[in-house]
Amino acid sequence: MISQTIRERVALIETKREALVRLLEQPNLGILRIDVNQALEELDELMDEFKRTFPDLA
């Protein structure tokens, strides 16, 4: 996979993060708040690991 494709896919994943943040702001999530928060944490960890592994692509 070429570096431009990787950059585009990572950018797409980062836009999904913003959707999770907006969802977390909803007052009526109830118990789903735990799952959304966990998804955000895992996504952040993945992005951090990606940036450490491929600093030239981040």
PDB file of N, CA and C in Angstrom:
ATOM      1  N   MET A   1       0.851  -1.167   0.000  1.00  0.00           N
ATOM      2  CA  MET A   1       0.000   0.000   0.000  1.00  0.00           C
ATOM      3  C   MET A   1       0.901   1.235   0.000  1.00  0.00           C
ATOM      4  N   ILE A   2       0.600   2.172  -0.846  1.00  0.00           N
ATOM      5  CA  ILE A   2       1.448   3.359  -0.927  1.00  0.00           C
ATOM      6  C   ILE A   2       1.132   4.307   0.221  1.00  0.00           C
ATOM      7  N   SER A   3       2.070   5.177   0.514  1.00  0.00           N
ATOM      8  CA  SER A   3       1.938   6.058   1.673  1.00  0.00           C
ATOM      9  C   SER A   3       0.741   7.009   1.559  1.00  0.00           C
ATOM     10  N   GLN A   4       0.414   7.459   0.369  1.00  0.00           N
ATOM     11  CA  GLN A   4      -0.732   8.357   0.208  1.00  0.00           C
ATOM     12  C   GLN A   4      -2.036   7.652   0.587  1.00  0.00           C
ATOM     13  N   THR A   5      -2.165   6.408   0.203  1.00  0.00           N
ATOM     14  CA  THR A   5      -3.362   5.632   0.549  1.00  0.00           C
ATOM     15  C   THR A   5      -3.466   5.454   2.054  1.00  0.00           C
ATOM     16  N   ILE A   6      -2.349   5.174   2.691  1.00  0.00           N
ATOM     17  CA  ILE A   6      -2.343   5.019   4.147  1.00  0.00           C
ATOM     18  C   ILE A   6      -2.753   6.328   4.807  1.00  0.00           C
ATOM     19  N   ARG A   7      -2.198   7.434   4.354  1.00  0.00           N
ATOM     20  CA  ARG A   7      -2.566   8.746   4.921  1.00  0.00           C
ATOM     21  C   ARG A   7      -4.059   9.005   4.784  1.00  0.00           C
ATOM     22  N   GLU A   8      -4.624   8.694   3.617  1.00  0.00           N
ATOM     23  CA  GLU A   8      -6.050   8.913   3.388  1.00  0.00           C
ATOM     24  C   GLU A   8      -6.904   8.059   4.315  1.00  0.00           C
ATOM     25  N   ARG A   9      -6.512   6.814   4.506  1.00  0.00           N
ATOM     26  CA  ARG A   9      -7.290   5.923   5.372  1.00  0.00           C
ATOM     27  C   ARG A   9      -7.192   6.342   6.836  1.00  0.00           C
ATOM     28  N   VAL A  10      -6.028   6.795   7.258  1.00  0.00           N
ATOM     29  CA  VAL A  10      -5.871   7.278   8.629  1.00  0.00           C
ATOM     30  C   VAL A  10      -6.708   8.536   8.823  1.00  0.00           C
ATOM     31  N   ALA A  11      -6.725   9.411   7.844  1.00  0.00           N
ATOM     32  CA  ALA A  11      -7.550  10.620   7.932  1.00  0.00           C
ATOM     33  C   ALA A  11      -9.028  10.258   8.040  1.00  0.00           C
ATOM     34  N   LEU A  12      -9.445   9.243   7.318  1.00  0.00           N
ATOM     35  CA  LEU A  12     -10.832   8.785   7.393  1.00  0.00           C
ATOM     36  C   LEU A  12     -11.154   8.258   8.791  1.00  0.00           C
ATOM     37  N   ILE A  13     -10.250   7.507   9.355  1.00  0.00           N
ATOM     38  CA  ILE A  13     -10.442   6.992  10.710  1.00  0.00           C
ATOM     39  C   ILE A  13     -10.537   8.144  11.705  1.00  0.00           C
ATOM     40  N   GLU A  14      -9.705   9.165  11.522  1.00  0.00           N
ATOM     41  CA  GLU A  14      -9.757  10.314  12.426  1.00  0.00           C
ATOM     42  C   GLU A  14     -11.090  11.054  12.329  1.00  0.00           C
ATOM     43  N   THR A  15     -11.721  11.072  11.159  1.00  0.00           N
ATOM     44  CA  THR A  15     -13.033  11.714  11.055  1.00  0.00           C
ATOM     45  C   THR A  15     -14.083  10.893  11.798  1.00  0.00           C
ATOM     46  N   LYS A  16     -13.918   9.591  11.831  1.00  0.00           N
ATOM     47  CA  LYS A  16     -14.839   8.738  12.598  1.00  0.00           C
ATOM     48  C   LYS A  16     -14.732   9.029  14.087  1.00  0.00           C
ATOM     49  N   ARG A  17     -13.545   9.416  14.525  1.00  0.00           N
ATOM     50  CA  ARG A  17     -13.361   9.768  15.936  1.00  0.00           C
ATOM     51  C   ARG A  17     -14.252  10.947  16.307  1.00  0.00           C
ATOM     52  N   GLU A  18     -14.324  11.923  15.425  1.00  0.00           N
ATOM     53  CA  GLU A  18     -15.154  13.093  15.690  1.00  0.00           C
ATOM     54  C   GLU A  18     -16.626  12.708  15.829  1.00  0.00           C
ATOM     55  N   ALA A  19     -17.060  11.720  15.072  1.00  0.00           N
ATOM     56  CA  ALA A  19     -18.441  11.242  15.190  1.00  0.00           C
ATOM     57  C   ALA A  19     -18.669  10.616  16.567  1.00  0.00           C
ATOM     58  N   LEU A  20     -17.694   9.890  17.062  1.00  0.00           N
ATOM     59  CA  LEU A  20     -17.810   9.308  18.397  1.00  0.00           C
ATOM     60  C   LEU A  20     -17.848  10.385  19.476  1.00  0.00           C
ATOM     61  N   VAL A  21     -17.052  11.428  19.301  1.00  0.00           N
ATOM     62  CA  VAL A  21     -17.053  12.527  20.269  1.00  0.00           C
ATOM     63  C   VAL A  21     -18.422  13.202  20.294  1.00  0.00           C
ATOM     64  N   ARG A  22     -18.998  13.437  19.123  1.00  0.00           N
ATOM     65  CA  ARG A  22     -20.337  14.048  19.067  1.00  0.00           C
ATOM     66  C   ARG A  22     -21.378  13.137  19.698  1.00  0.00           C
ATOM     67  N   LEU A  23     -21.238  11.850  19.477  1.00  0.00           N
ATOM     68  CA  LEU A  23     -22.168  10.899  20.071  1.00  0.00           C
ATOM     69  C   LEU A  23     -22.050  10.903  21.596  1.00  0.00           C
ATOM     70  N   LEU A  24     -20.840  11.007  22.087  1.00  0.00           N
ATOM     71  CA  LEU A  24     -20.613  11.023  23.531  1.00  0.00           C
ATOM     72  C   LEU A  24     -21.259  12.237  24.187  1.00  0.00           C
ATOM     73  N   GLU A  25     -21.435  13.304  23.441  1.00  0.00           N
ATOM     74  CA  GLU A  25     -22.045  14.528  23.976  1.00  0.00           C
ATOM     75  C   GLU A  25     -23.561  14.421  24.110  1.00  0.00           C
ATOM     76  N   GLN A  26     -24.153  13.375  23.551  1.00  0.00           N
ATOM     77  CA  GLN A  26     -25.603  13.199  23.622  1.00  0.00           C
ATOM     78  C   GLN A  26     -26.011  12.840  25.052  1.00  0.00           C
ATOM     79  N   PRO A  27     -27.014  13.519  25.579  1.00  0.00           N
ATOM     80  CA  PRO A  27     -27.400  13.282  26.978  1.00  0.00           C
ATOM     81  C   PRO A  27     -28.166  11.979  27.209  1.00  0.00           C
ATOM     82  N   ASN A  28     -28.708  11.379  26.169  1.00  0.00           N
ATOM     83  CA  ASN A  28     -29.570  10.210  26.349  1.00  0.00           C
ATOM     84  C   ASN A  28     -28.897   8.888  25.972  1.00  0.00           C
ATOM     85  N   LEU A  29     -27.594   8.798  26.103  1.00  0.00           N
ATOM     86  CA  LEU A  29     -26.877   7.573  25.725  1.00  0.00           C
ATOM     87  C   LEU A  29     -27.072   6.436  26.724  1.00  0.00           C
ATOM     88  N   GLY A  30     -27.236   6.776  27.959  1.00  0.00           N
ATOM     89  CA  GLY A  30     -27.387   5.744  28.980  1.00  0.00           C
ATOM     90  C   GLY A  30     -26.131   4.895  29.082  1.00  0.00           C
ATOM     91  N   ILE A  31     -26.342   3.586  29.131  1.00  0.00           N
ATOM     92  CA  ILE A  31     -25.224   2.658  29.308  1.00  0.00           C
ATOM     93  C   ILE A  31     -24.319   2.598  28.076  1.00  0.00           C
ATOM     94  N   LEU A  32     -24.805   3.032  26.920  1.00  0.00           N
ATOM     95  CA  LEU A  32     -23.966   3.055  25.714  1.00  0.00           C
ATOM     96  C   LEU A  32     -22.795   4.022  25.839  1.00  0.00           C
ATOM     97  N   ARG A  33     -22.908   4.952  26.762  1.00  0.00           N
ATOM     98  CA  ARG A  33     -21.820   5.916  27.003  1.00  0.00           C
ATOM     99  C   ARG A  33     -20.515   5.174  27.316  1.00  0.00           C
ATOM    100  N   ILE A  34     -20.610   4.083  28.049  1.00  0.00           N
ATOM    101  CA  ILE A  34     -19.426   3.289  28.397  1.00  0.00           C
ATOM    102  C   ILE A  34     -18.777   2.734  27.134  1.00  0.00           C
ATOM    103  N   ASP A  35     -19.580   2.197  26.225  1.00  0.00           N
ATOM    104  CA  ASP A  35     -19.052   1.625  24.982  1.00  0.00           C
ATOM    105  C   ASP A  35     -18.438   2.693  24.080  1.00  0.00           C
ATOM    106  N   VAL A  36     -19.095   3.828  23.981  1.00  0.00           N
ATOM    107  CA  VAL A  36     -18.573   4.912  23.137  1.00  0.00           C
ATOM    108  C   VAL A  36     -17.262   5.421  23.717  1.00  0.00           C
ATOM    109  N   ASN A  37     -17.218   5.570  25.022  1.00  0.00           N
ATOM    110  CA  ASN A  37     -15.991   6.031  25.668  1.00  0.00           C
ATOM    111  C   ASN A  37     -14.856   5.025  25.450  1.00  0.00           C
ATOM    112  N   GLN A  38     -15.154   3.739  25.560  1.00  0.00           N
ATOM    113  CA  GLN A  38     -14.153   2.699  25.320  1.00  0.00           C
ATOM    114  C   GLN A  38     -13.661   2.734  23.877  1.00  0.00           C
ATOM    115  N   ALA A  39     -14.571   2.926  22.938  1.00  0.00           N
ATOM    116  CA  ALA A  39     -14.193   3.014  21.528  1.00  0.00           C
ATOM    117  C   ALA A  39     -13.253   4.191  21.292  1.00  0.00           C
ATOM    118  N   LEU A  40     -13.541   5.322  21.922  1.00  0.00           N
ATOM    119  CA  LEU A  40     -12.668   6.502  21.794  1.00  0.00           C
ATOM    120  C   LEU A  40     -11.276   6.213  22.349  1.00  0.00           C
ATOM    121  N   GLU A  41     -11.232   5.589  23.513  1.00  0.00           N
ATOM    122  CA  GLU A  41      -9.933   5.272  24.114  1.00  0.00           C
ATOM    123  C   GLU A  41      -9.123   4.347  23.218  1.00  0.00           C
ATOM    124  N   GLU A  42      -9.756   3.323  22.683  1.00  0.00           N
ATOM    125  CA  GLU A  42      -9.047   2.370  21.835  1.00  0.00           C
ATOM    126  C   GLU A  42      -8.602   3.013  20.522  1.00  0.00           C
ATOM    127  N   LEU A  43      -9.447   3.867  19.963  1.00  0.00           N
ATOM    128  CA  LEU A  43      -9.083   4.563  18.734  1.00  0.00           C
ATOM    129  C   LEU A  43      -7.883   5.472  18.969  1.00  0.00           C
ATOM    130  N   ASP A  44      -7.883   6.179  20.094  1.00  0.00           N
ATOM    131  CA  ASP A  44      -6.753   7.047  20.425  1.00  0.00           C
ATOM    132  C   ASP A  44      -5.469   6.246  20.599  1.00  0.00           C
ATOM    133  N   GLU A  45      -5.579   5.090  21.245  1.00  0.00           N
ATOM    134  CA  GLU A  45      -4.399   4.233  21.418  1.00  0.00           C
ATOM    135  C   GLU A  45      -3.872   3.746  20.070  1.00  0.00           C
ATOM    136  N   LEU A  46      -4.777   3.342  19.188  1.00  0.00           N
ATOM    137  CA  LEU A  46      -4.363   2.897  17.859  1.00  0.00           C
ATOM    138  C   LEU A  46      -3.675   4.012  17.078  1.00  0.00           C
ATOM    139  N   MET A  47      -4.220   5.209  17.156  1.00  0.00           N
ATOM    140  CA  MET A  47      -3.625   6.335  16.434  1.00  0.00           C
ATOM    141  C   MET A  47      -2.246   6.671  17.000  1.00  0.00           C
ATOM    142  N   ASP A  48      -2.109   6.621  18.319  1.00  0.00           N
ATOM    143  CA  ASP A  48      -0.808   6.872  18.929  1.00  0.00           C
ATOM    144  C   ASP A  48       0.214   5.826  18.493  1.00  0.00           C
ATOM    145  N   GLU A  49      -0.211   4.570  18.484  1.00  0.00           N
ATOM    146  CA  GLU A  49       0.690   3.497  18.065  1.00  0.00           C
ATOM    147  C   GLU A  49       1.068   3.643  16.591  1.00  0.00           C
ATOM    148  N   PHE A  50       0.111   4.010  15.767  1.00  0.00           N
ATOM    149  CA  PHE A  50       0.395   4.227  14.350  1.00  0.00           C
ATOM    150  C   PHE A  50       1.440   5.327  14.179  1.00  0.00           C
ATOM    151  N   LYS A  51       1.273   6.425  14.905  1.00  0.00           N
ATOM    152  CA  LYS A  51       2.208   7.554  14.785  1.00  0.00           C
ATOM    153  C   LYS A  51       3.602   7.184  15.280  1.00  0.00           C
ATOM    154  N   ARG A  52       3.671   6.323  16.297  1.00  0.00           N
ATOM    155  CA  ARG A  52       4.984   5.873  16.776  1.00  0.00           C
ATOM    156  C   ARG A  52       5.637   4.919  15.780  1.00  0.00           C
ATOM    157  N   THR A  53       4.826   4.079  15.165  1.00  0.00           N
ATOM    158  CA  THR A  53       5.351   3.076  14.247  1.00  0.00           C
ATOM    159  C   THR A  53       5.733   3.670  12.896  1.00  0.00           C
ATOM    160  N   PHE A  54       4.904   4.614  12.421  1.00  0.00           N
ATOM    161  CA  PHE A  54       5.129   5.235  11.122  1.00  0.00           C
ATOM    162  C   PHE A  54       5.160   6.758  11.267  1.00  0.00           C
ATOM    163  N   PRO A  55       6.187   7.299  11.899  1.00  0.00           N
ATOM    164  CA  PRO A  55       6.212   8.740  12.133  1.00  0.00           C
ATOM    165  C   PRO A  55       6.254   9.560  10.840  1.00  0.00           C
ATOM    166  N   ASP A  56       6.782   8.986   9.779  1.00  0.00           N
ATOM    167  CA  ASP A  56       6.862   9.712   8.516  1.00  0.00           C
ATOM    168  C   ASP A  56       5.516   9.780   7.791  1.00  0.00           C
ATOM    169  N   LEU A  57       4.546   8.948   8.178  1.00  0.00           N
ATOM    170  CA  LEU A  57       3.226   8.952   7.551  1.00  0.00           C
ATOM    171  C   LEU A  57       2.203   9.707   8.374  1.00  0.00           C
ATOM    172  N   ALA A  58       2.489   9.962   9.619  1.00  0.00           N
ATOM    173  CA  ALA A  58       1.515  10.616  10.504  1.00  0.00           C
ATOM    174  C   ALA A  58       1.416  12.093  10.252  1.00  0.00           C
TER     175      ALA A  58
END
